[in-house]
C-alpha atoms as a PDB file:
ATOM      1  CA  UNK A   1     116.023  19.258 113.871  1.00  0.00           C
ATOM      2  CA  UNK A   2     118.111  16.282 114.848  1.00  0.00           C
ATOM      3  CA  UNK A   3     117.038  12.614 114.660  1.00  0.00           C
ATOM      4  CA  UNK A   4     115.440  10.890 117.650  1.00  0.00           C
ATOM      5  CA  UNK A   5     117.909   8.367 119.071  1.00  0.00           C
ATOM      6  CA  UNK A   6     116.880   5.523 121.369  1.00  0.00           C
ATOM      7  CA  UNK A   7     118.533   6.160 124.729  1.00  0.00           C
ATOM      8  CA  UNK A   8     118.475   2.515 125.839  1.00  0.00           C
ATOM      9  CA  UNK A   9     120.712   0.792 123.278  1.00  0.00           C
ATOM     10  CA  UNK A  10     121.892  -2.799 123.691  1.00  0.00           C
ATOM     11  CA  UNK A  11     125.566  -3.219 124.567  1.00  0.00           C
ATOM     12  CA  UNK A  12     127.984  -6.143 124.582  1.00  0.00           C
ATOM     13  CA  UNK A  13     131.667  -6.176 125.560  1.00  0.00           C
ATOM     14  CA  UNK A  14     132.671  -4.886 122.107  1.00  0.00           C
ATOM     15  CA  UNK A  15     129.522  -3.555 120.424  1.00  0.00           C
ATOM     16  CA  UNK A  16     126.550  -1.222 120.776  1.00  0.00           C
ATOM     17  CA  UNK A  17     123.252  -1.358 118.915  1.00  0.00           C
ATOM     18  CA  UNK A  18     121.992   2.148 118.061  1.00  0.00           C
ATOM     19  CA  UNK A  19     118.386   2.790 116.986  1.00  0.00           C
ATOM     20  CA  UNK A  20     117.208   6.075 115.446  1.00  0.00           C
ATOM     21  CA  UNK A  21     114.264   7.633 113.636  1.00  0.00           C
ATOM     22  CA  UNK A  22     113.297  10.868 111.901  1.00  0.00           C
ATOM     23  CA  UNK A  23     112.816  13.906 114.181  1.00  0.00           C
ATOM     24  CA  UNK A  24     109.423  14.191 115.875  1.00  0.00           C
ATOM     25  CA  UNK A  25     108.768  17.620 114.328  1.00  0.00           C
ATOM     26  CA  UNK A  26     110.291  16.805 110.958  1.00  0.00           C
ATOM     27  CA  UNK A  27     109.059  18.692 107.923  1.00  0.00           C
ATOM     28  CA  UNK A  28     110.753  18.317 104.598  1.00  0.00           C
ATOM     29  CA  UNK A  29     111.920  15.646 102.198  1.00  0.00           C
ATOM     30  CA  UNK A  30     112.165  12.059 103.326  1.00  0.00           C
ATOM     31  CA  UNK A  31     115.373  10.952 105.015  1.00  0.00           C
ATOM     32  CA  UNK A  32     117.303   8.901 102.462  1.00  0.00           C
ATOM     33  CA  UNK A  33     120.246   7.919 104.658  1.00  0.00           C
ATOM     34  CA  UNK A  34     121.791   8.379 108.096  1.00  0.00           C
ATOM     35  CA  UNK A  35     125.386   9.023 109.106  1.00  0.00           C
ATOM     36  CA  UNK A  36     126.270   7.117 112.284  1.00  0.00           C
ATOM     37  CA  UNK A  37     129.543   8.282 113.867  1.00  0.00           C
ATOM     38  CA  UNK A  38     131.413   7.011 116.920  1.00  0.00           C
ATOM     39  CA  UNK A  39     134.646   7.958 118.629  1.00  0.00           C
ATOM     40  CA  UNK A  40     136.469   7.916 121.963  1.00  0.00           C
ATOM     41  CA  UNK A  41     136.636  11.720 121.775  1.00  0.00           C
ATOM     42  CA  UNK A  42     133.517  13.858 122.322  1.00  0.00           C
ATOM     43  CA  UNK A  43     134.877  16.134 119.575  1.00  0.00           C
ATOM     44  CA  UNK A  44     134.980  13.239 117.080  1.00  0.00           C
ATOM     45  CA  UNK A  45     138.588  14.061 116.199  1.00  0.00           C
ATOM     46  CA  UNK A  46     140.636  11.122 117.524  1.00  0.00           C
ATOM     47  CA  UNK A  47     142.369   8.378 115.568  1.00  0.00           C
ATOM     48  CA  UNK A  48     139.551   6.072 116.767  1.00  0.00           C
ATOM     49  CA  UNK A  49     136.897   8.038 114.820  1.00  0.00           C
ATOM     50  CA  UNK A  50     134.691   5.874 112.606  1.00  0.00           C
ATOM     51  CA  UNK A  51     131.441   6.293 110.727  1.00  0.00           C
ATOM     52  CA  UNK A  52     129.098   4.489 108.407  1.00  0.00           C
ATOM     53  CA  UNK A  53     126.151   5.489 106.260  1.00  0.00           C
ATOM     54  CA  UNK A  54     122.893   3.622 106.782  1.00  0.00           C
ATOM     55  CA  UNK A  55     120.330   3.869 103.990  1.00  0.00           C
ATOM     56  CA  UNK A  56     116.578   4.198 104.624  1.00  0.00           C
ATOM     57  CA  UNK A  57     114.391   2.429 105.540  1.00  0.00           C
ATOM     58  CA  UNK A  58     116.911   0.904 107.980  1.00  0.00           C
ATOM     59  CA  UNK A  59     116.888   2.800 111.309  1.00  0.00           C
ATOM     60  CA  UNK A  60     119.539   0.951 113.330  1.00  0.00           C
ATOM     61  CA  UNK A  61     123.236   0.123 113.250  1.00  0.00           C
ATOM     62  CA  UNK A  62     125.364  -2.288 115.267  1.00  0.00           C
ATOM     63  CA  UNK A  63     128.664  -0.574 116.095  1.00  0.00           C
ATOM     64  CA  UNK A  64     131.388  -3.187 116.565  1.00  0.00           C
ATOM     65  CA  UNK A  65     135.044  -3.134 117.562  1.00  0.00           C
ATOM     66  CA  UNK A  66     134.509  -1.064 120.721  1.00  0.00           C
ATOM     67  CA  UNK A  67     136.828  -1.373 123.721  1.00  0.00           C
ATOM     68  CA  UNK A  68     135.245  -2.304 127.036  1.00  0.00           C
ATOM     69  CA  UNK A  69     136.189   0.166 129.770  1.00  0.00           C
ATOM     70  CA  UNK A  70     136.607   3.074 127.339  1.00  0.00           C
ATOM     71  CA  UNK A  71     134.063   5.846 126.845  1.00  0.00           C
ATOM     72  CA  UNK A  72     132.588   5.997 123.373  1.00  0.00           C
ATOM     73  CA  UNK A  73     130.556   8.837 121.907  1.00  0.00           C
ATOM     74  CA  UNK A  74     127.913   8.304 119.236  1.00  0.00           C
ATOM     75  CA  UNK A  75     126.004  10.732 117.071  1.00  0.00           C
ATOM     76  CA  UNK A  76     123.530  10.267 114.226  1.00  0.00           C
ATOM     77  CA  UNK A  77     122.764  12.727 111.433  1.00  0.00           C
ATOM     78  CA  UNK A  78     119.875  12.501 108.944  1.00  0.00           C
ATOM     79  CA  UNK A  79     120.382  13.204 105.239  1.00  0.00           C
ATOM     80  CA  UNK A  80     117.857  14.230 102.588  1.00  0.00           C
ATOM     81  CA  UNK A  81     117.889  16.302  99.378  1.00  0.00           C
ATOM     82  CA  UNK A  82     118.805  19.370 101.454  1.00  0.00           C
ATOM     83  CA  UNK A  83     121.963  17.712 102.787  1.00  0.00           C
ATOM     84  CA  UNK A  84     122.907  16.633 106.294  1.00  0.00           C
ATOM     85  CA  UNK A  85     121.020  18.071 109.233  1.00  0.00           C
ATOM     86  CA  UNK A  86     122.064  18.601 112.851  1.00  0.00           C
ATOM     87  CA  UNK A  87     123.535  15.540 114.593  1.00  0.00           C
ATOM     88  CA  UNK A  88     121.823  13.905 117.566  1.00  0.00           C
ATOM     89  CA  UNK A  89     124.298  12.978 120.292  1.00  0.00           C
END
């Protein structure tokens, strides 16, 4: 069960605000942190790959340093005592 990600994030020329929350049908331990990843490759394997960990209760992250005119891919993964779950694209 992947996190719910807001599909209408706010963008600027070099940044994107990403909002997320626990999955709708989530059952298990509380989410203690989130892994927010972004890249210019949909495989998340390029030299531009970056990530950060966001600790609960925060459910947003402002990704900065993006390049206007380039495609960027974002995914968010929840973490709890069972480890990381399935990423939401």
